[in-house]
């Protein structure tokens, strides 16, 4: 699996998490994600 993916942000501020990453991280539809900023980076964590 590639380590890096590039996605564009849509008009509502959404970005798609590629299926390969969701499968590897066991992220499913309707899972809650914690979103925060740390050291100038946006961090997503499965809640």
C-alpha atoms as a PDB file:
ATOM      1  CA  UNK A   1       0.000   0.000   0.000  1.00  0.00           C
ATOM      2  CA  UNK A   2       1.195   3.497  -0.776  1.00  0.00           C
ATOM      3  CA  UNK A   3       1.960   5.623   2.268  1.00  0.00           C
ATOM      4  CA  UNK A   4       0.636   8.822   0.755  1.00  0.00           C
ATOM      5  CA  UNK A   5      -2.606   9.756  -1.002  1.00  0.00           C
ATOM      6  CA  UNK A   6      -3.646  13.155  -2.329  1.00  0.00           C
ATOM      7  CA  UNK A   7      -7.289  14.204  -2.163  1.00  0.00           C
ATOM      8  CA  UNK A   8      -9.017  17.525  -2.795  1.00  0.00           C
ATOM      9  CA  UNK A   9     -11.305  19.179  -0.261  1.00  0.00           C
ATOM     10  CA  UNK A  10     -14.808  19.800  -1.622  1.00  0.00           C
ATOM     11  CA  UNK A  11     -16.925  22.943  -1.219  1.00  0.00           C
ATOM     12  CA  UNK A  12     -18.236  21.758   2.163  1.00  0.00           C
ATOM     13  CA  UNK A  13     -14.735  21.108   3.540  1.00  0.00           C
ATOM     14  CA  UNK A  14     -14.947  17.319   3.160  1.00  0.00           C
ATOM     15  CA  UNK A  15     -12.135  15.013   2.126  1.00  0.00           C
ATOM     16  CA  UNK A  16     -12.505  11.332   1.220  1.00  0.00           C
ATOM     17  CA  UNK A  17     -10.439   8.800   3.162  1.00  0.00           C
ATOM     18  CA  UNK A  18      -9.310   6.189   0.616  1.00  0.00           C
ATOM     19  CA  UNK A  19     -10.823   2.711   0.989  1.00  0.00           C
ATOM     20  CA  UNK A  20      -7.390   1.108   1.526  1.00  0.00           C
ATOM     21  CA  UNK A  21      -6.769   3.299   4.566  1.00  0.00           C
ATOM     22  CA  UNK A  22     -10.277   2.738   5.951  1.00  0.00           C
ATOM     23  CA  UNK A  23      -9.918  -1.029   5.599  1.00  0.00           C
ATOM     24  CA  UNK A  24      -6.447  -1.118   7.171  1.00  0.00           C
ATOM     25  CA  UNK A  25      -7.591   1.066  10.079  1.00  0.00           C
ATOM     26  CA  UNK A  26     -10.968  -0.689  10.467  1.00  0.00           C
ATOM     27  CA  UNK A  27     -12.922   2.536   9.847  1.00  0.00           C
ATOM     28  CA  UNK A  28     -16.521   1.925   8.794  1.00  0.00           C
ATOM     29  CA  UNK A  29     -19.461   4.063   7.720  1.00  0.00           C
ATOM     30  CA  UNK A  30     -20.960   5.970  10.678  1.00  0.00           C
ATOM     31  CA  UNK A  31     -17.861   5.514  12.863  1.00  0.00           C
ATOM     32  CA  UNK A  32     -17.135   8.615  14.921  1.00  0.00           C
ATOM     33  CA  UNK A  33     -13.843  10.357  14.245  1.00  0.00           C
ATOM     34  CA  UNK A  34     -12.029  12.718  16.597  1.00  0.00           C
ATOM     35  CA  UNK A  35     -10.538  15.675  14.671  1.00  0.00           C
ATOM     36  CA  UNK A  36      -7.969  18.039  16.167  1.00  0.00           C
ATOM     37  CA  UNK A  37      -4.872  20.041  15.338  1.00  0.00           C
ATOM     38  CA  UNK A  38      -1.428  19.238  16.729  1.00  0.00           C
ATOM     39  CA  UNK A  39       1.895  20.783  15.729  1.00  0.00           C
ATOM     40  CA  UNK A  40       0.283  22.420  12.683  1.00  0.00           C
ATOM     41  CA  UNK A  41      -1.227  19.136  11.424  1.00  0.00           C
ATOM     42  CA  UNK A  42      -4.818  17.933  11.271  1.00  0.00           C
ATOM     43  CA  UNK A  43      -5.165  14.626  13.138  1.00  0.00           C
ATOM     44  CA  UNK A  44      -8.052  12.149  12.672  1.00  0.00           C
ATOM     45  CA  UNK A  45      -8.545   9.387  15.246  1.00  0.00           C
ATOM     46  CA  UNK A  46     -11.238   6.740  15.382  1.00  0.00           C
ATOM     47  CA  UNK A  47     -13.245   7.432  18.533  1.00  0.00           C
END
